[in-house]
Amino acid sequence: MDLISSDIKTINNFKKHSIPTIDVLKELTKILPDKAWLTRVRVTEDSVELEGYAASATAIISKLENSKYFQKAEFASPTFRDQKQNNERFVIKMELKNENKPKKQEAIGATNEKKK
C-alpha cells in the first residue's frame, strides 16, 4: 500500500509541476502568425525549440516573450531568407515558464527526504 501511495504521489507531483505538451502546442498555435509554419518542434521538461519559416522571424520572438508559457526566447542560429519561399527560416529556443515547478533547492530537499 505504501509503495502504491508513493507512486500515486509521484505521478500527481509530476502532473502538478509540469506543463502538458499539448498546452505548449496550443499556445504556439495561438501565437504564430497564420502564414508561419514549423518544420520541427522539440519540447523538453524545461525548454522548447522551434524550427520553421515566417515572413518576419523577429516578430515571433516578441510574441513568444509575451506568452504565459515562454521566457528567454532567442534565436538559436542566424535567420536567413529563403528566396524560393520568400520567407525567413528560423530556429528559436526558449525556456518554459513554470511557476508550479519546485525550485532546485526544494527538489534537492525532497530527494534527500526520500533517502532518509
PDB file of N, CA and C in Angstrom:
ATOM      1  N   MET A   1       0.827  -1.203   0.000  1.00  0.00           N
ATOM      2  CA  MET A   1       0.000   0.000   0.000  1.00  0.00           C
ATOM      3  C   MET A   1       0.867   1.260   0.000  1.00  0.00           C
ATOM      4  N   ASP A   2       1.926   1.234   0.834  1.00  0.00           N
ATOM      5  CA  ASP A   2       2.798   2.413   0.911  1.00  0.00           C
ATOM      6  C   ASP A   2       3.478   2.682  -0.426  1.00  0.00           C
ATOM      7  N   LEU A   3       3.892   1.615  -1.094  1.00  0.00           N
ATOM      8  CA  LEU A   3       4.560   1.764  -2.390  1.00  0.00           C
ATOM      9  C   LEU A   3       3.600   2.354  -3.428  1.00  0.00           C
ATOM     10  N   ILE A   4       2.385   1.867  -3.467  1.00  0.00           N
ATOM     11  CA  ILE A   4       1.389   2.379  -4.406  1.00  0.00           C
ATOM     12  C   ILE A   4       1.058   3.835  -4.088  1.00  0.00           C
ATOM     13  N   SER A   5       0.899   4.153  -2.815  1.00  0.00           N
ATOM     14  CA  SER A   5       0.625   5.536  -2.411  1.00  0.00           C
ATOM     15  C   SER A   5       1.766   6.455  -2.813  1.00  0.00           C
ATOM     16  N   SER A   6       2.989   5.970  -2.656  1.00  0.00           N
ATOM     17  CA  SER A   6       4.161   6.755  -3.049  1.00  0.00           C
ATOM     18  C   SER A   6       4.179   6.989  -4.558  1.00  0.00           C
ATOM     19  N   ASP A   7       3.847   5.950  -5.327  1.00  0.00           N
ATOM     20  CA  ASP A   7       3.795   6.086  -6.789  1.00  0.00           C
ATOM     21  C   ASP A   7       2.720   7.086  -7.218  1.00  0.00           C
ATOM     22  N   ILE A   8       1.571   7.024  -6.595  1.00  0.00           N
ATOM     23  CA  ILE A   8       0.480   7.956  -6.907  1.00  0.00           C
ATOM     24  C   ILE A   8       0.903   9.385  -6.589  1.00  0.00           C
ATOM     25  N   LYS A   9       1.559   9.563  -5.459  1.00  0.00           N
ATOM     26  CA  LYS A   9       2.036  10.893  -5.065  1.00  0.00           C
ATOM     27  C   LYS A   9       3.057  11.419  -6.072  1.00  0.00           C
ATOM     28  N   THR A  10       3.956  10.571  -6.532  1.00  0.00           N
ATOM     29  CA  THR A  10       4.962  10.961  -7.523  1.00  0.00           C
ATOM     30  C   THR A  10       4.300  11.392  -8.829  1.00  0.00           C
ATOM     31  N   ILE A  11       3.329  10.628  -9.284  1.00  0.00           N
ATOM     32  CA  ILE A  11       2.619  10.965 -10.527  1.00  0.00           C
ATOM     33  C   ILE A  11       1.864  12.277 -10.371  1.00  0.00           C
ATOM     34  N   ASN A  12       1.177  12.462  -9.272  1.00  0.00           N
ATOM     35  CA  ASN A  12       0.440  13.711  -9.043  1.00  0.00           C
ATOM     36  C   ASN A  12       1.375  14.912  -8.966  1.00  0.00           C
ATOM     37  N   ASN A  13       2.537  14.753  -8.333  1.00  0.00           N
ATOM     38  CA  ASN A  13       3.521  15.839  -8.286  1.00  0.00           C
ATOM     39  C   ASN A  13       4.029  16.176  -9.676  1.00  0.00           C
ATOM     40  N   PHE A  14       4.269  15.153 -10.489  1.00  0.00           N
ATOM     41  CA  PHE A  14       4.720  15.390 -11.855  1.00  0.00           C
ATOM     42  C   PHE A  14       3.680  16.192 -12.630  1.00  0.00           C
ATOM     43  N   LYS A  15       2.425  15.782 -12.533  1.00  0.00           N
ATOM     44  CA  LYS A  15       1.354  16.489 -13.240  1.00  0.00           C
ATOM     45  C   LYS A  15       1.214  17.919 -12.734  1.00  0.00           C
ATOM     46  N   LYS A  16       1.369  18.106 -11.447  1.00  0.00           N
ATOM     47  CA  LYS A  16       1.209  19.421 -10.842  1.00  0.00           C
ATOM     48  C   LYS A  16       2.352  20.366 -11.215  1.00  0.00           C
ATOM     49  N   HIS A  17       3.566  19.830 -11.367  1.00  0.00           N
ATOM     50  CA  HIS A  17       4.747  20.659 -11.562  1.00  0.00           C
ATOM     51  C   HIS A  17       5.242  20.738 -13.000  1.00  0.00           C
ATOM     52  N   SER A  18       4.482  20.233 -13.953  1.00  0.00           N
ATOM     53  CA  SER A  18       4.928  20.326 -15.345  1.00  0.00           C
ATOM     54  C   SER A  18       3.794  20.841 -16.231  1.00  0.00           C
ATOM     55  N   ILE A  19       4.187  21.477 -17.316  1.00  0.00           N
ATOM     56  CA  ILE A  19       3.213  21.986 -18.279  1.00  0.00           C
ATOM     57  C   ILE A  19       2.987  20.900 -19.329  1.00  0.00           C
ATOM     58  N   PRO A  20       1.753  20.483 -19.549  1.00  0.00           N
ATOM     59  CA  PRO A  20       1.500  19.455 -20.565  1.00  0.00           C
ATOM     60  C   PRO A  20       1.925  19.934 -21.962  1.00  0.00           C
ATOM     61  N   THR A  21       2.524  19.042 -22.716  1.00  0.00           N
ATOM     62  CA  THR A  21       2.994  19.367 -24.067  1.00  0.00           C
ATOM     63  C   THR A  21       1.853  19.857 -24.944  1.00  0.00           C
ATOM     64  N   ILE A  22       0.678  19.313 -24.775  1.00  0.00           N
ATOM     65  CA  ILE A  22      -0.468  19.740 -25.585  1.00  0.00           C
ATOM     66  C   ILE A  22      -0.789  21.211 -25.338  1.00  0.00           C
ATOM     67  N   ASP A  23      -0.609  21.681 -24.092  1.00  0.00           N
ATOM     68  CA  ASP A  23      -0.835  23.097 -23.792  1.00  0.00           C
ATOM     69  C   ASP A  23       0.216  23.973 -24.461  1.00  0.00           C
ATOM     70  N   VAL A  24       1.447  23.490 -24.510  1.00  0.00           N
ATOM     71  CA  VAL A  24       2.520  24.222 -25.187  1.00  0.00           C
ATOM     72  C   VAL A  24       2.202  24.346 -26.678  1.00  0.00           C
ATOM     73  N   LEU A  25       1.782  23.255 -27.287  1.00  0.00           N
ATOM     74  CA  LEU A  25       1.443  23.272 -28.711  1.00  0.00           C
ATOM     75  C   LEU A  25       0.239  24.166 -28.999  1.00  0.00           C
ATOM     76  N   LYS A  26      -0.742  24.160 -28.117  1.00  0.00           N
ATOM     77  CA  LYS A  26      -1.913  25.018 -28.289  1.00  0.00           C
ATOM     78  C   LYS A  26      -1.502  26.493 -28.223  1.00  0.00           C
ATOM     79  N   GLU A  27      -0.606  26.826 -27.296  1.00  0.00           N
ATOM     80  CA  GLU A  27      -0.126  28.198 -27.165  1.00  0.00           C
ATOM     81  C   GLU A  27       0.646  28.627 -28.417  1.00  0.00           C
ATOM     82  N   LEU A  28       1.474  27.732 -28.942  1.00  0.00           N
ATOM     83  CA  LEU A  28       2.211  28.047 -30.174  1.00  0.00           C
ATOM     84  C   LEU A  28       1.250  28.298 -31.335  1.00  0.00           C
ATOM     85  N   THR A  29       0.195  27.514 -31.405  1.00  0.00           N
ATOM     86  CA  THR A  29      -0.806  27.683 -32.454  1.00  0.00           C
ATOM     87  C   THR A  29      -1.458  29.059 -32.372  1.00  0.00           C
ATOM     88  N   LYS A  30      -1.726  29.529 -31.154  1.00  0.00           N
ATOM     89  CA  LYS A  30      -2.337  30.847 -30.980  1.00  0.00           C
ATOM     90  C   LYS A  30      -1.350  31.974 -31.301  1.00  0.00           C
ATOM     91  N   ILE A  31      -0.087  31.796 -30.955  1.00  0.00           N
ATOM     92  CA  ILE A  31       0.915  32.859 -31.088  1.00  0.00           C
ATOM     93  C   ILE A  31       1.403  33.041 -32.523  1.00  0.00           C
ATOM     94  N   LEU A  32       1.698  31.941 -33.182  1.00  0.00           N
ATOM     95  CA  LEU A  32       2.326  32.039 -34.506  1.00  0.00           C
ATOM     96  C   LEU A  32       1.391  32.666 -35.535  1.00  0.00           C
ATOM     97  N   PRO A  33       1.942  33.527 -36.382  1.00  0.00           N
ATOM     98  CA  PRO A  33       1.122  34.123 -37.450  1.00  0.00           C
ATOM     99  C   PRO A  33       0.572  33.043 -38.385  1.00  0.00           C
ATOM    100  N   ASP A  34      -0.535  33.350 -39.035  1.00  0.00           N
ATOM    101  CA  ASP A  34      -1.178  32.380 -39.926  1.00  0.00           C
ATOM    102  C   ASP A  34      -0.262  31.923 -41.054  1.00  0.00           C
ATOM    103  N   LYS A  35       0.594  32.802 -41.533  1.00  0.00           N
ATOM    104  CA  LYS A  35       1.462  32.471 -42.668  1.00  0.00           C
ATOM    105  C   LYS A  35       2.767  31.801 -42.240  1.00  0.00           C
ATOM    106  N   ALA A  36       2.968  31.605 -40.943  1.00  0.00           N
ATOM    107  CA  ALA A  36       4.169  30.918 -40.446  1.00  0.00           C
ATOM    108  C   ALA A  36       3.883  29.428 -40.334  1.00  0.00           C
ATOM    109  N   TRP A  37       4.932  28.628 -40.483  1.00  0.00           N
ATOM    110  CA  TRP A  37       4.767  27.204 -40.254  1.00  0.00           C
ATOM    111  C   TRP A  37       6.048  26.635 -39.662  1.00  0.00           C
ATOM    112  N   LEU A  38       5.886  25.544 -38.949  1.00  0.00           N
ATOM    113  CA  LEU A  38       7.003  24.912 -38.269  1.00  0.00           C
ATOM    114  C   LEU A  38       7.378  23.617 -38.973  1.00  0.00           C
ATOM    115  N   THR A  39       8.679  23.372 -39.020  1.00  0.00           N
ATOM    116  CA  THR A  39       9.173  22.124 -39.588  1.00  0.00           C
ATOM    117  C   THR A  39       9.605  21.165 -38.482  1.00  0.00           C
ATOM    118  N   ARG A  40       9.830  21.734 -37.287  1.00  0.00           N
ATOM    119  CA  ARG A  40      10.241  20.901 -36.147  1.00  0.00           C
ATOM    120  C   ARG A  40       9.917  21.615 -34.845  1.00  0.00           C
ATOM    121  N   VAL A  41       9.409  20.865 -33.882  1.00  0.00           N
ATOM    122  CA  VAL A  41       9.159  21.377 -32.527  1.00  0.00           C
ATOM    123  C   VAL A  41       9.724  20.348 -31.562  1.00  0.00           C
ATOM    124  N   ARG A  42      10.537  20.832 -30.636  1.00  0.00           N
ATOM    125  CA  ARG A  42      11.097  19.938 -29.611  1.00  0.00           C
ATOM    126  C   ARG A  42      10.739  20.517 -28.253  1.00  0.00           C
ATOM    127  N   VAL A  43       9.995  19.744 -27.466  1.00  0.00           N
ATOM    128  CA  VAL A  43       9.564  20.182 -26.134  1.00  0.00           C
ATOM    129  C   VAL A  43      10.212  19.256 -25.109  1.00  0.00           C
ATOM    130  N   THR A  44      10.953  19.861 -24.178  1.00  0.00           N
ATOM    131  CA  THR A  44      11.536  19.101 -23.071  1.00  0.00           C
ATOM    132  C   THR A  44      10.887  19.580 -21.780  1.00  0.00           C
ATOM    133  N   GLU A  45      11.377  19.094 -20.681  1.00  0.00           N
ATOM    134  CA  GLU A  45      10.825  19.468 -19.385  1.00  0.00           C
ATOM    135  C   GLU A  45      10.969  20.966 -19.119  1.00  0.00           C
ATOM    136  N   ASP A  46      12.075  21.559 -19.586  1.00  0.00           N
ATOM    137  CA  ASP A  46      12.375  22.957 -19.273  1.00  0.00           C
ATOM    138  C   ASP A  46      12.397  23.904 -20.460  1.00  0.00           C
ATOM    139  N   SER A  47      12.385  23.372 -21.683  1.00  0.00           N
ATOM    140  CA  SER A  47      12.589  24.256 -22.833  1.00  0.00           C
ATOM    141  C   SER A  47      11.806  23.801 -24.063  1.00  0.00           C
ATOM    142  N   VAL A  48      11.773  24.706 -25.040  1.00  0.00           N
ATOM    143  CA  VAL A  48      11.124  24.435 -26.325  1.00  0.00           C
ATOM    144  C   VAL A  48      12.045  24.965 -27.417  1.00  0.00           C
ATOM    145  N   GLU A  49      12.171  24.204 -28.490  1.00  0.00           N
ATOM    146  CA  GLU A  49      12.940  24.653 -29.647  1.00  0.00           C
ATOM    147  C   GLU A  49      12.052  24.540 -30.882  1.00  0.00           C
ATOM    148  N   LEU A  50      12.027  25.620 -31.655  1.00  0.00           N
ATOM    149  CA  LEU A  50      11.199  25.684 -32.859  1.00  0.00           C
ATOM    150  C   LEU A  50      12.076  25.892 -34.084  1.00  0.00           C
ATOM    151  N   GLU A  51      11.745  25.219 -35.159  1.00  0.00           N
ATOM    152  CA  GLU A  51      12.349  25.486 -36.461  1.00  0.00           C
ATOM    153  C   GLU A  51      11.206  25.704 -37.432  1.00  0.00           C
ATOM    154  N   GLY A  52      11.355  26.690 -38.306  1.00  0.00           N
ATOM    155  CA  GLY A  52      10.293  26.924 -39.259  1.00  0.00           C
ATOM    156  C   GLY A  52      10.540  28.113 -40.145  1.00  0.00           C
ATOM    157  N   TYR A  53       9.464  28.592 -40.762  1.00  0.00           N
ATOM    158  CA  TYR A  53       9.515  29.698 -41.718  1.00  0.00           C
ATOM    159  C   TYR A  53       8.432  30.711 -41.382  1.00  0.00           C
ATOM    160  N   ALA A  54       8.769  31.985 -41.573  1.00  0.00           N
ATOM    161  CA  ALA A  54       7.796  33.060 -41.355  1.00  0.00           C
ATOM    162  C   ALA A  54       8.234  34.282 -42.150  1.00  0.00           C
ATOM    163  N   ALA A  55       7.289  35.166 -42.426  1.00  0.00           N
ATOM    164  CA  ALA A  55       7.616  36.402 -43.135  1.00  0.00           C
ATOM    165  C   ALA A  55       8.602  37.232 -42.327  1.00  0.00           C
ATOM    166  N   SER A  56       8.413  37.275 -41.002  1.00  0.00           N
ATOM    167  CA  SER A  56       9.324  38.003 -40.123  1.00  0.00           C
ATOM    168  C   SER A  56       9.553  37.181 -38.862  1.00  0.00           C
ATOM    169  N   ALA A  57      10.707  36.569 -38.775  1.00  0.00           N
ATOM    170  CA  ALA A  57      11.019  35.743 -37.608  1.00  0.00           C
ATOM    171  C   ALA A  57      11.205  36.602 -36.360  1.00  0.00           C
ATOM    172  N   THR A  58      11.679  37.814 -36.526  1.00  0.00           N
ATOM    173  CA  THR A  58      11.902  38.708 -35.391  1.00  0.00           C
ATOM    174  C   THR A  58      10.594  39.011 -34.664  1.00  0.00           C
ATOM    175  N   ALA A  59       9.521  39.162 -35.388  1.00  0.00           N
ATOM    176  CA  ALA A  59       8.216  39.459 -34.777  1.00  0.00           C
ATOM    177  C   ALA A  59       7.740  38.311 -33.892  1.00  0.00           C
ATOM    178  N   ILE A  60       8.147  37.117 -34.200  1.00  0.00           N
ATOM    179  CA  ILE A  60       7.720  35.953 -33.423  1.00  0.00           C
ATOM    180  C   ILE A  60       8.339  35.971 -32.022  1.00  0.00           C
ATOM    181  N   ILE A  61       9.584  36.413 -31.935  1.00  0.00           N
ATOM    182  CA  ILE A  61      10.280  36.444 -30.641  1.00  0.00           C
ATOM    183  C   ILE A  61       9.486  37.247 -29.607  1.00  0.00           C
ATOM    184  N   SER A  62       9.056  38.445 -29.971  1.00  0.00           N
ATOM    185  CA  SER A  62       8.331  39.282 -29.010  1.00  0.00           C
ATOM    186  C   SER A  62       6.996  38.647 -28.614  1.00  0.00           C
ATOM    187  N   LYS A  63       6.342  37.989 -29.555  1.00  0.00           N
ATOM    188  CA  LYS A  63       5.082  37.308 -29.233  1.00  0.00           C
ATOM    189  C   LYS A  63       5.317  36.159 -28.254  1.00  0.00           C
ATOM    190  N   LEU A  64       6.398  35.436 -28.438  1.00  0.00           N
ATOM    191  CA  LEU A  64       6.719  34.337 -27.531  1.00  0.00           C
ATOM    192  C   LEU A  64       7.048  34.858 -26.133  1.00  0.00           C
ATOM    193  N   GLU A  65       7.775  35.969 -26.072  1.00  0.00           N
ATOM    194  CA  GLU A  65       8.142  36.558 -24.778  1.00  0.00           C
ATOM    195  C   GLU A  65       6.912  37.021 -23.997  1.00  0.00           C
ATOM    196  N   ASN A  66       5.861  37.409 -24.692  1.00  0.00           N
ATOM    197  CA  ASN A  66       4.643  37.889 -24.036  1.00  0.00           C
ATOM    198  C   ASN A  66       3.692  36.755 -23.635  1.00  0.00           C
ATOM    199  N   SER A  67       4.072  35.539 -23.925  1.00  0.00           N
ATOM    200  CA  SER A  67       3.237  34.385 -23.599  1.00  0.00           C
ATOM    201  C   SER A  67       3.337  34.035 -22.120  1.00  0.00           C
ATOM    202  N   LYS A  68       2.293  33.402 -21.614  1.00  0.00           N
ATOM    203  CA  LYS A  68       2.317  32.956 -20.222  1.00  0.00           C
ATOM    204  C   LYS A  68       3.162  31.694 -20.038  1.00  0.00           C
ATOM    205  N   TYR A  69       3.556  31.044 -21.128  1.00  0.00           N
ATOM    206  CA  TYR A  69       4.315  29.800 -21.043  1.00  0.00           C
ATOM    207  C   TYR A  69       5.811  29.935 -21.318  1.00  0.00           C
ATOM    208  N   PHE A  70       6.235  30.979 -22.025  1.00  0.00           N
ATOM    209  CA  PHE A  70       7.613  31.046 -22.503  1.00  0.00           C
ATOM    210  C   PHE A  70       8.373  32.244 -21.940  1.00  0.00           C
ATOM    211  N   GLN A  71       9.698  32.065 -21.823  1.00  0.00           N
ATOM    212  CA  GLN A  71      10.581  33.149 -21.411  1.00  0.00           C
ATOM    213  C   GLN A  71      11.946  32.931 -22.065  1.00  0.00           C
ATOM    214  N   LYS A  72      12.722  33.978 -22.125  1.00  0.00           N
ATOM    215  CA  LYS A  72      14.082  33.938 -22.683  1.00  0.00           C
ATOM    216  C   LYS A  72      14.102  33.379 -24.112  1.00  0.00           C
ATOM    217  N   ALA A  73      13.167  33.825 -24.928  1.00  0.00           N
ATOM    218  CA  ALA A  73      13.129  33.389 -26.326  1.00  0.00           C
ATOM    219  C   ALA A  73      14.262  34.062 -27.080  1.00  0.00           C
ATOM    220  N   GLU A  74      14.993  33.276 -27.862  1.00  0.00           N
ATOM    221  CA  GLU A  74      16.113  33.812 -28.634  1.00  0.00           C
ATOM    222  C   GLU A  74      16.375  32.918 -29.840  1.00  0.00           C
ATOM    223  N   PHE A  75      17.072  33.492 -30.810  1.00  0.00           N
ATOM    224  CA  PHE A  75      17.434  32.706 -31.986  1.00  0.00           C
ATOM    225  C   PHE A  75      18.581  31.774 -31.624  1.00  0.00           C
ATOM    226  N   ALA A  76      18.443  30.509 -31.977  1.00  0.00           N
ATOM    227  CA  ALA A  76      19.487  29.524 -31.710  1.00  0.00           C
ATOM    228  C   ALA A  76      20.521  29.500 -32.829  1.00  0.00           C
ATOM    229  N   SER A  77      20.168  30.075 -33.965  1.00  0.00           N
ATOM    230  CA  SER A  77      21.089  30.200 -35.091  1.00  0.00           C
ATOM    231  C   SER A  77      20.639  31.399 -35.924  1.00  0.00           C
ATOM    232  N   PRO A  78      21.504  31.894 -36.786  1.00  0.00           N
ATOM    233  CA  PRO A  78      21.103  33.051 -37.603  1.00  0.00           C
ATOM    234  C   PRO A  78      19.911  32.717 -38.500  1.00  0.00           C
ATOM    235  N   THR A  79      19.033  33.698 -38.674  1.00  0.00           N
ATOM    236  CA  THR A  79      17.920  33.522 -39.609  1.00  0.00           C
ATOM    237  C   THR A  79      18.426  33.842 -41.015  1.00  0.00           C
ATOM    238  N   PHE A  80      17.799  33.273 -42.010  1.00  0.00           N
ATOM    239  CA  PHE A  80      18.141  33.636 -43.385  1.00  0.00           C
ATOM    240  C   PHE A  80      16.887  33.567 -44.239  1.00  0.00           C
ATOM    241  N   ARG A  81      16.880  34.385 -45.271  1.00  0.00           N
ATOM    242  CA  ARG A  81      15.731  34.453 -46.169  1.00  0.00           C
ATOM    243  C   ARG A  81      15.848  33.368 -47.227  1.00  0.00           C
ATOM    244  N   ASP A  82      14.830  32.547 -47.310  1.00  0.00           N
ATOM    245  CA  ASP A  82      14.740  31.520 -48.337  1.00  0.00           C
ATOM    246  C   ASP A  82      14.102  32.185 -49.560  1.00  0.00           C
ATOM    247  N   GLN A  83      14.864  32.348 -50.607  1.00  0.00           N
ATOM    248  CA  GLN A  83      14.390  33.073 -51.798  1.00  0.00           C
ATOM    249  C   GLN A  83      13.230  32.352 -52.491  1.00  0.00           C
ATOM    250  N   LYS A  84      13.243  31.037 -52.503  1.00  0.00           N
ATOM    251  CA  LYS A  84      12.169  30.289 -53.163  1.00  0.00           C
ATOM    252  C   LYS A  84      10.825  30.491 -52.463  1.00  0.00           C
ATOM    253  N   GLN A  85      10.862  30.509 -51.133  1.00  0.00           N
ATOM    254  CA  GLN A  85       9.622  30.619 -50.379  1.00  0.00           C
ATOM    255  C   GLN A  85       9.327  32.050 -49.950  1.00  0.00           C
ATOM    256  N   ASN A  86      10.301  32.935 -50.153  1.00  0.00           N
ATOM    257  CA  ASN A  86      10.166  34.333 -49.770  1.00  0.00           C
ATOM    258  C   ASN A  86       9.791  34.487 -48.292  1.00  0.00           C
ATOM    259  N   ASN A  87      10.421  33.668 -47.452  1.00  0.00           N
ATOM    260  CA  ASN A  87      10.222  33.696 -46.004  1.00  0.00           C
ATOM    261  C   ASN A  87      11.562  33.542 -45.310  1.00  0.00           C
ATOM    262  N   GLU A  88      11.580  33.917 -44.028  1.00  0.00           N
ATOM    263  CA  GLU A  88      12.777  33.726 -43.229  1.00  0.00           C
ATOM    264  C   GLU A  88      12.726  32.361 -42.559  1.00  0.00           C
ATOM    265  N   ARG A  89      13.847  31.669 -42.606  1.00  0.00           N
ATOM    266  CA  ARG A  89      13.964  30.392 -41.900  1.00  0.00           C
ATOM    267  C   ARG A  89      14.556  30.704 -40.533  1.00  0.00           C
ATOM    268  N   PHE A  90      13.980  30.121 -39.479  1.00  0.00           N
ATOM    269  CA  PHE A  90      14.439  30.436 -38.129  1.00  0.00           C
ATOM    270  C   PHE A  90      14.553  29.188 -37.268  1.00  0.00           C
ATOM    271  N   VAL A  91      15.380  29.313 -36.250  1.00  0.00           N
ATOM    272  CA  VAL A  91      15.466  28.337 -35.165  1.00  0.00           C
ATOM    273  C   VAL A  91      15.424  29.165 -33.884  1.00  0.00           C
ATOM    274  N   ILE A  92      14.394  28.942 -33.086  1.00  0.00           N
ATOM    275  CA  ILE A  92      14.201  29.704 -31.849  1.00  0.00           C
ATOM    276  C   ILE A  92      14.214  28.732 -30.682  1.00  0.00           C
ATOM    277  N   LYS A  93      14.932  29.111 -29.629  1.00  0.00           N
ATOM    278  CA  LYS A  93      14.879  28.315 -28.406  1.00  0.00           C
ATOM    279  C   LYS A  93      14.392  29.220 -27.279  1.00  0.00           C
ATOM    280  N   MET A  94      13.705  28.612 -26.317  1.00  0.00           N
ATOM    281  CA  MET A  94      13.173  29.368 -25.189  1.00  0.00           C
ATOM    282  C   MET A  94      12.986  28.442 -24.011  1.00  0.00           C
ATOM    283  N   GLU A  95      12.853  29.051 -22.855  1.00  0.00           N
ATOM    284  CA  GLU A  95      12.592  28.294 -21.641  1.00  0.00           C
ATOM    285  C   GLU A  95      11.101  28.301 -21.351  1.00  0.00           C
ATOM    286  N   LEU A  96      10.655  27.250 -20.686  1.00  0.00           N
ATOM    287  CA  LEU A  96       9.270  27.208 -20.242  1.00  0.00           C
ATOM    288  C   LEU A  96       9.164  27.936 -18.906  1.00  0.00           C
ATOM    289  N   LYS A  97       8.150  28.796 -18.795  1.00  0.00           N
ATOM    290  CA  LYS A  97       7.835  29.449 -17.522  1.00  0.00           C
ATOM    291  C   LYS A  97       6.952  28.478 -16.770  1.00  0.00           C
ATOM    292  N   ASN A  98       7.396  28.049 -15.637  1.00  0.00           N
ATOM    293  CA  ASN A  98       6.566  27.137 -14.865  1.00  0.00           C
ATOM    294  C   ASN A  98       6.648  27.517 -13.398  1.00  0.00           C
ATOM    295  N   GLU A  99       5.713  28.358 -12.964  1.00  0.00           N
ATOM    296  CA  GLU A  99       5.695  28.810 -11.582  1.00  0.00           C
ATOM    297  C   GLU A  99       5.388  27.670 -10.617  1.00  0.00           C
ATOM    298  N   ASN A 100       4.764  26.612 -11.110  1.00  0.00           N
ATOM    299  CA  ASN A 100       4.406  25.486 -10.241  1.00  0.00           C
ATOM    300  C   ASN A 100       5.569  24.542  -9.977  1.00  0.00           C
ATOM    301  N   LYS A 101       6.632  24.672 -10.780  1.00  0.00           N
ATOM    302  CA  LYS A 101       7.761  23.776 -10.632  1.00  0.00           C
ATOM    303  C   LYS A 101       8.532  24.131  -9.361  1.00  0.00           C
ATOM    304  N   PRO A 102       8.883  23.129  -8.565  1.00  0.00           N
ATOM    305  CA  PRO A 102       9.616  23.441  -7.344  1.00  0.00           C
ATOM    306  C   PRO A 102      10.997  23.987  -7.675  1.00  0.00           C
ATOM    307  N   LYS A 103      11.487  24.879  -6.834  1.00  0.00           N
ATOM    308  CA  LYS A 103      12.825  25.434  -7.022  1.00  0.00           C
ATOM    309  C   LYS A 103      13.840  24.312  -6.832  1.00  0.00           C
ATOM    310  N   LYS A 104      15.050  24.495  -7.365  1.00  0.00           N
ATOM    311  CA  LYS A 104      16.068  23.449  -7.289  1.00  0.00           C
ATOM    312  C   LYS A 104      16.337  23.037  -5.843  1.00  0.00           C
ATOM    313  N   GLN A 105      16.377  23.999  -4.949  1.00  0.00           N
ATOM    314  CA  GLN A 105      16.642  23.687  -3.558  1.00  0.00           C
ATOM    315  C   GLN A 105      15.521  22.827  -2.968  1.00  0.00           C
ATOM    316  N   GLU A 106      14.268  23.126  -3.333  1.00  0.00           N
ATOM    317  CA  GLU A 106      13.136  22.325  -2.855  1.00  0.00           C
ATOM    318  C   GLU A 106      13.225  20.905  -3.393  1.00  0.00           C
ATOM    319  N   ALA A 107      13.613  20.772  -4.658  1.00  0.00           N
ATOM    320  CA  ALA A 107      13.745  19.455  -5.273  1.00  0.00           C
ATOM    321  C   ALA A 107      14.848  18.657  -4.601  1.00  0.00           C
ATOM    322  N   ILE A 108      15.955  19.309  -4.249  1.00  0.00           N
ATOM    323  CA  ILE A 108      17.047  18.649  -3.557  1.00  0.00           C
ATOM    324  C   ILE A 108      16.581  18.183  -2.189  1.00  0.00           C
ATOM    325  N   GLY A 109      15.819  19.035  -1.499  1.00  0.00           N
ATOM    326  CA  GLY A 109      15.289  18.674  -0.188  1.00  0.00           C
ATOM    327  C   GLY A 109      14.382  17.456  -0.268  1.00  0.00           C
ATOM    328  N   ALA A 110      13.542  17.417  -1.295  1.00  0.00           N
ATOM    329  CA  ALA A 110      12.634  16.276  -1.470  1.00  0.00           C
ATOM    330  C   ALA A 110      13.418  15.005  -1.743  1.00  0.00           C
ATOM    331  N   THR A 111      14.499  15.114  -2.519  1.00  0.00           N
ATOM    332  CA  THR A 111      15.326  13.950  -2.828  1.00  0.00           C
ATOM    333  C   THR A 111      16.013  13.453  -1.562  1.00  0.00           C
ATOM    334  N   ASN A 112      16.541  14.380  -0.783  1.00  0.00           N
ATOM    335  CA  ASN A 112      17.206  13.993   0.465  1.00  0.00           C
ATOM    336  C   ASN A 112      16.206  13.396   1.448  1.00  0.00           C
ATOM    337  N   GLU A 113      14.992  13.875   1.432  1.00  0.00           N
ATOM    338  CA  GLU A 113      13.948  13.355   2.324  1.00  0.00           C
ATOM    339  C   GLU A 113      13.663  11.891   2.004  1.00  0.00           C
ATOM    340  N   LYS A 114      13.632  11.547   0.707  1.00  0.00           N
ATOM    341  CA  LYS A 114      13.366  10.176   0.294  1.00  0.00           C
ATOM    342  C   LYS A 114      14.484   9.240   0.747  1.00  0.00           C
ATOM    343  N   LYS A 115      15.740   9.749   0.750  1.00  0.00           N
ATOM    344  CA  LYS A 115      16.892   8.909   1.096  1.00  0.00           C
ATOM    345  C   LYS A 115      16.889   8.537   2.566  1.00  0.00           C
ATOM    346  N   LYS A 116      16.256   9.334   3.402  1.00  0.00           N
ATOM    347  CA  LYS A 116      16.278   9.067   4.860  1.00  0.00           C
ATOM    348  C   LYS A 116      15.563   7.823   5.222  1.00  0.00           C
TER     349      LYS A 116
END
